[in-house]
C-alpha atoms as a PDB file:
ATOM      1  CA  MET A   1     122.117 -66.207 -16.964  1.00  0.00           C
ATOM      2  CA  GLU A   2     124.081 -69.164 -18.280  1.00  0.00           C
ATOM      3  CA  LEU A   3     123.176 -72.698 -17.194  1.00  0.00           C
ATOM      4  CA  HIS A   4     125.125 -75.879 -17.956  1.00  0.00           C
ATOM      5  CA  ILE A   5     122.624 -78.601 -18.731  1.00  0.00           C
ATOM      6  CA  ASN A   6     123.469 -81.987 -20.202  1.00  0.00           C
ATOM      7  CA  GLY A   7     126.962 -80.858 -21.133  1.00  0.00           C
ATOM      8  CA  LYS A   8     125.818 -77.759 -23.016  1.00  0.00           C
ATOM      9  CA  ALA A   9     125.786 -74.114 -22.025  1.00  0.00           C
ATOM     10  CA  TYR A  10     122.436 -72.349 -22.362  1.00  0.00           C
ATOM     11  CA  GLU A  11     121.786 -68.647 -22.026  1.00  0.00           C
ATOM     12  CA  VAL A  12     118.401 -68.433 -20.301  1.00  0.00           C
ATOM     13  CA  GLN A  13     116.167 -65.405 -20.025  1.00  0.00           C
ATOM     14  CA  ALA A  14     114.163 -66.357 -16.937  1.00  0.00           C
ATOM     15  CA  ASP A  15     114.142 -64.379 -13.697  1.00  0.00           C
ATOM     16  CA  ALA A  16     116.609 -65.541 -11.049  1.00  0.00           C
ATOM     17  CA  ASP A  17     113.818 -66.869  -8.799  1.00  0.00           C
ATOM     18  CA  THR A  18     112.306 -69.052 -11.542  1.00  0.00           C
ATOM     19  CA  PRO A  19     112.329 -72.732 -10.564  1.00  0.00           C
ATOM     20  CA  LEU A  20     114.787 -74.796 -12.587  1.00  0.00           C
ATOM     21  CA  LEU A  21     111.984 -77.119 -13.714  1.00  0.00           C
ATOM     22  CA  TRP A  22     110.260 -74.360 -15.675  1.00  0.00           C
ATOM     23  CA  VAL A  23     113.468 -73.320 -17.392  1.00  0.00           C
ATOM     24  CA  ILE A  24     114.228 -76.925 -18.332  1.00  0.00           C
ATOM     25  CA  ARG A  25     110.732 -77.629 -19.659  1.00  0.00           C
ATOM     26  CA  ASP A  26     109.404 -74.303 -20.938  1.00  0.00           C
ATOM     27  CA  GLU A  27     112.470 -72.399 -22.064  1.00  0.00           C
ATOM     28  CA  LEU A  28     114.693 -75.274 -23.212  1.00  0.00           C
ATOM     29  CA  GLY A  29     112.009 -77.764 -24.277  1.00  0.00           C
ATOM     30  CA  LEU A  30     113.492 -80.680 -22.307  1.00  0.00           C
ATOM     31  CA  THR A  31     110.196 -82.233 -21.270  1.00  0.00           C
ATOM     32  CA  GLY A  32     111.445 -85.558 -19.868  1.00  0.00           C
ATOM     33  CA  THR A  33     111.660 -83.958 -16.426  1.00  0.00           C
ATOM     34  CA  LYS A  34     108.063 -83.932 -15.182  1.00  0.00           C
ATOM     35  CA  TYR A  35     105.981 -81.605 -13.070  1.00  0.00           C
ATOM     36  CA  GLY A  36     104.277 -83.498 -10.273  1.00  0.00           C
ATOM     37  CA  CYS A  37     103.427 -81.691  -7.076  1.00  0.00           C
ATOM     38  CA  GLY A  38     105.312 -78.396  -7.291  1.00  0.00           C
ATOM     39  CA  ILE A  39     106.437 -78.617  -3.640  1.00  0.00           C
ATOM     40  CA  ALA A  40     109.447 -80.960  -3.940  1.00  0.00           C
ATOM     41  CA  GLN A  41     107.626 -83.915  -2.431  1.00  0.00           C
ATOM     42  CA  CYS A  42     106.896 -86.366  -5.271  1.00  0.00           C
ATOM     43  CA  GLY A  43     110.232 -86.420  -7.122  1.00  0.00           C
ATOM     44  CA  ALA A  44     108.873 -86.416 -10.676  1.00  0.00           C
ATOM     45  CA  CYS A  45     111.032 -83.340 -11.332  1.00  0.00           C
ATOM     46  CA  SER A  46     114.284 -84.882 -10.098  1.00  0.00           C
ATOM     47  CA  VAL A  47     117.516 -83.920 -11.852  1.00  0.00           C
ATOM     48  CA  LEU A  48     121.172 -84.267 -10.947  1.00  0.00           C
ATOM     49  CA  ILE A  49     123.035 -81.120  -9.907  1.00  0.00           C
ATOM     50  CA  ASP A  50     126.737 -81.815  -9.670  1.00  0.00           C
ATOM     51  CA  GLY A  51     125.798 -85.488  -9.357  1.00  0.00           C
ATOM     52  CA  VAL A  52     123.377 -85.018  -6.465  1.00  0.00           C
ATOM     53  CA  VAL A  53     119.686 -85.703  -7.012  1.00  0.00           C
ATOM     54  CA  LYS A  54     117.559 -82.579  -6.489  1.00  0.00           C
ATOM     55  CA  ARG A  55     113.905 -81.681  -6.969  1.00  0.00           C
ATOM     56  CA  SER A  56     113.968 -79.041  -9.693  1.00  0.00           C
ATOM     57  CA  CYS A  57     110.500 -77.626  -8.994  1.00  0.00           C
ATOM     58  CA  ALA A  58     111.781 -75.996  -5.791  1.00  0.00           C
ATOM     59  CA  ILE A  59     115.238 -74.819  -6.858  1.00  0.00           C
ATOM     60  CA  PRO A  60     115.528 -71.291  -8.264  1.00  0.00           C
ATOM     61  CA  ILE A  61     118.013 -70.911 -11.101  1.00  0.00           C
ATOM     62  CA  GLU A  62     119.899 -68.238  -9.181  1.00  0.00           C
ATOM     63  CA  GLY A  63     123.181 -69.731  -8.046  1.00  0.00           C
ATOM     64  CA  LEU A  64     123.186 -72.586 -10.565  1.00  0.00           C
ATOM     65  CA  SER A  65     125.394 -70.979 -13.208  1.00  0.00           C
ATOM     66  CA  ASP A  66     128.504 -72.782 -11.955  1.00  0.00           C
ATOM     67  CA  LYS A  67     126.750 -76.162 -11.536  1.00  0.00           C
ATOM     68  CA  GLN A  68     126.485 -79.132 -13.906  1.00  0.00           C
ATOM     69  CA  ILE A  69     122.837 -80.097 -14.349  1.00  0.00           C
ATOM     70  CA  THR A  70     121.810 -83.439 -15.839  1.00  0.00           C
ATOM     71  CA  THR A  71     118.274 -84.245 -16.928  1.00  0.00           C
ATOM     72  CA  ILE A  72     116.776 -87.546 -18.003  1.00  0.00           C
ATOM     73  CA  GLU A  73     117.509 -86.657 -21.633  1.00  0.00           C
ATOM     74  CA  ALA A  74     121.241 -87.148 -20.990  1.00  0.00           C
ATOM     75  CA  ILE A  75     121.219 -89.850 -18.308  1.00  0.00           C
ATOM     76  CA  GLU A  76     122.329 -92.541 -20.751  1.00  0.00           C
ATOM     77  CA  ASP A  77     125.502 -90.525 -21.450  1.00  0.00           C
ATOM     78  CA  ASP A  78     126.503 -91.573 -17.923  1.00  0.00           C
ATOM     79  CA  GLY A  79     127.641 -95.205 -17.629  1.00  0.00           C
ATOM     80  CA  VAL A  80     125.687 -95.783 -14.425  1.00  0.00           C
ATOM     81  CA  GLY A  81     122.628 -94.014 -15.797  1.00  0.00           C
ATOM     82  CA  LYS A  82     122.711 -96.140 -18.927  1.00  0.00           C
ATOM     83  CA  ARG A  83     122.757 -99.306 -16.823  1.00  0.00           C
ATOM     84  CA  VAL A  84     119.907 -97.996 -14.672  1.00  0.00           C
ATOM     85  CA  VAL A  85     117.765 -97.462 -17.772  1.00  0.00           C
ATOM     86  CA  ALA A  86     118.598-100.984 -18.991  1.00  0.00           C
ATOM     87  CA  ALA A  87     117.662-102.438 -15.586  1.00  0.00           C
ATOM     88  CA  TRP A  88     114.395-100.479 -15.633  1.00  0.00           C
ATOM     89  CA  ILE A  89     113.559-102.131 -18.947  1.00  0.00           C
ATOM     90  CA  LYS A  90     114.728-105.590 -17.843  1.00  0.00           C
ATOM     91  CA  HIS A  91     112.615-105.440 -14.674  1.00  0.00           C
ATOM     92  CA  GLN A  92     109.697-103.720 -16.445  1.00  0.00           C
ATOM     93  CA  VAL A  93     109.660-101.015 -13.807  1.00  0.00           C
ATOM     94  CA  PRO A  94     107.463 -98.372 -15.475  1.00  0.00           C
ATOM     95  CA  GLN A  95     103.734 -98.768 -15.619  1.00  0.00           C
ATOM     96  CA  CYS A  96     102.302 -95.381 -16.556  1.00  0.00           C
ATOM     97  CA  GLY A  97     105.878 -94.080 -16.608  1.00  0.00           C
ATOM     98  CA  TYR A  98     105.158 -90.539 -15.448  1.00  0.00           C
ATOM     99  CA  CYS A  99     107.387 -90.682 -12.367  1.00  0.00           C
ATOM    100  CA  GLN A 100     110.084 -92.847 -13.896  1.00  0.00           C
ATOM    101  CA  SER A 101     112.424 -90.109 -15.091  1.00  0.00           C
ATOM    102  CA  GLY A 102     112.728 -88.918 -11.495  1.00  0.00           C
ATOM    103  CA  GLN A 103     113.095 -92.487 -10.236  1.00  0.00           C
ATOM    104  CA  VAL A 104     115.929 -93.151 -12.731  1.00  0.00           C
ATOM    105  CA  MET A 105     117.704 -89.974 -11.629  1.00  0.00           C
ATOM    106  CA  ALA A 106     117.422 -90.967  -7.953  1.00  0.00           C
ATOM    107  CA  ALA A 107     118.637 -94.518  -8.617  1.00  0.00           C
ATOM    108  CA  THR A 108     121.584 -93.248 -10.663  1.00  0.00           C
ATOM    109  CA  ALA A 109     122.657 -90.874  -7.890  1.00  0.00           C
ATOM    110  CA  LEU A 110     122.276 -93.634  -5.277  1.00  0.00           C
ATOM    111  CA  LEU A 111     124.359 -96.164  -7.211  1.00  0.00           C
ATOM    112  CA  LYS A 112     127.106 -93.655  -7.917  1.00  0.00           C
ATOM    113  CA  GLN A 113     127.365 -92.906  -4.197  1.00  0.00           C
ATOM    114  CA  THR A 114     126.591 -96.387  -2.823  1.00  0.00           C
ATOM    115  CA  PRO A 115     127.407 -99.114  -5.348  1.00  0.00           C
ATOM    116  CA  ASN A 116     126.041-101.925  -3.142  1.00  0.00           C
ATOM    117  CA  PRO A 117     122.957-100.452  -1.482  1.00  0.00           C
ATOM    118  CA  ASN A 118     120.855-102.479   0.898  1.00  0.00           C
ATOM    119  CA  ASP A 119     117.083-102.144   1.262  1.00  0.00           C
ATOM    120  CA  ASP A 120     117.452 -99.345   3.813  1.00  0.00           C
ATOM    121  CA  ASP A 121     119.799 -97.402   1.506  1.00  0.00           C
ATOM    122  CA  ILE A 122     117.330 -97.748  -1.360  1.00  0.00           C
ATOM    123  CA  ALA A 123     114.376 -96.663   0.782  1.00  0.00           C
ATOM    124  CA  ALA A 124     116.291 -93.640   2.090  1.00  0.00           C
ATOM    125  CA  ALA A 125     117.598 -92.522  -1.306  1.00  0.00           C
ATOM    126  CA  ILE A 126     114.631 -93.174  -3.564  1.00  0.00           C
ATOM    127  CA  THR A 127     111.798 -91.300  -1.911  1.00  0.00           C
ATOM    128  CA  ASN A 128     109.995 -90.497  -5.155  1.00  0.00           C
ATOM    129  CA  LEU A 129     106.273 -91.216  -5.189  1.00  0.00           C
ATOM    130  CA  CYS A 130     104.779 -93.651  -7.695  1.00  0.00           C
ATOM    131  CA  ARG A 131     101.010 -93.935  -7.950  1.00  0.00           C
ATOM    132  CA  CYS A 132     101.347 -97.232  -9.851  1.00  0.00           C
ATOM    133  CA  GLY A 133     103.298 -98.769  -6.966  1.00  0.00           C
ATOM    134  CA  THR A 134     106.399 -99.919  -8.834  1.00  0.00           C
ATOM    135  CA  TYR A 135     108.512 -99.866  -5.676  1.00  0.00           C
ATOM    136  CA  ASN A 136     109.248-103.614  -5.647  1.00  0.00           C
ATOM    137  CA  ALA A 137     110.376-103.529  -9.279  1.00  0.00           C
ATOM    138  CA  ILE A 138     112.533-100.469  -8.546  1.00  0.00           C
ATOM    139  CA  LYS A 139     114.157-102.248  -5.613  1.00  0.00           C
ATOM    140  CA  ALA A 140     114.765-105.359  -7.744  1.00  0.00           C
ATOM    141  CA  ALA A 141     116.336-103.286 -10.526  1.00  0.00           C
ATOM    142  CA  VAL A 142     118.642-101.454  -8.091  1.00  0.00           C
ATOM    143  CA  HIS A 143     119.697-104.712  -6.422  1.00  0.00           C
ATOM    144  CA  ASP A 144     120.387-106.180  -9.870  1.00  0.00           C
ATOM    145  CA  LEU A 145     122.790-103.280 -10.510  1.00  0.00           C
ATOM    146  CA  ALA A 146     124.453-103.384  -7.095  1.00  0.00           C
ATOM    147  CA  GLY A 147     128.179-103.896  -7.312  1.00  0.00           C
ATOM    148  CA  ASN A 148     128.123-103.130 -11.031  1.00  0.00           C
ATOM    149  CA  ALA A 149     127.620 -99.366 -10.802  1.00  0.00           C
ATOM    150  CA  LYS A 150     130.912 -97.868  -9.604  1.00  0.00           C
ATOM    151  CA  GLY A 151     133.670 -96.951 -12.000  1.00  0.00           C
ATOM    152  CA  ALA A 152     131.574 -95.845 -14.942  1.00  0.00           C
END
């Protein structure tokens, strides 16, 4: 099966019911996308599929051959994603950093869809869990980017 990840086509050998996360990490060696809970609750495995944030641990690769998949490794190729990463650094969002790739993916998707999100928009769109509790820094970084995200 062919998958389009980060602007490249990959021929993968995994079974059709294999979760996308395992193909990304184990078969392709793109380890920036993290395994957290395995039940699509924590968001550490978040990727963009056709620009929409999805939890890759619960999505089988079957049916993804015509989709564009973006992982954290390529997020800075996107203008909004690049600004999200810069804001994460500016606001010193990561502590341990484990969940941050998923958080960056969720924030990028939010800002592309809603360039001026309010607190409710942020809370609804960024549901990723962070054991270090960086939620206030995440909110500050997203607000800092508000109005500057569209058009990239």
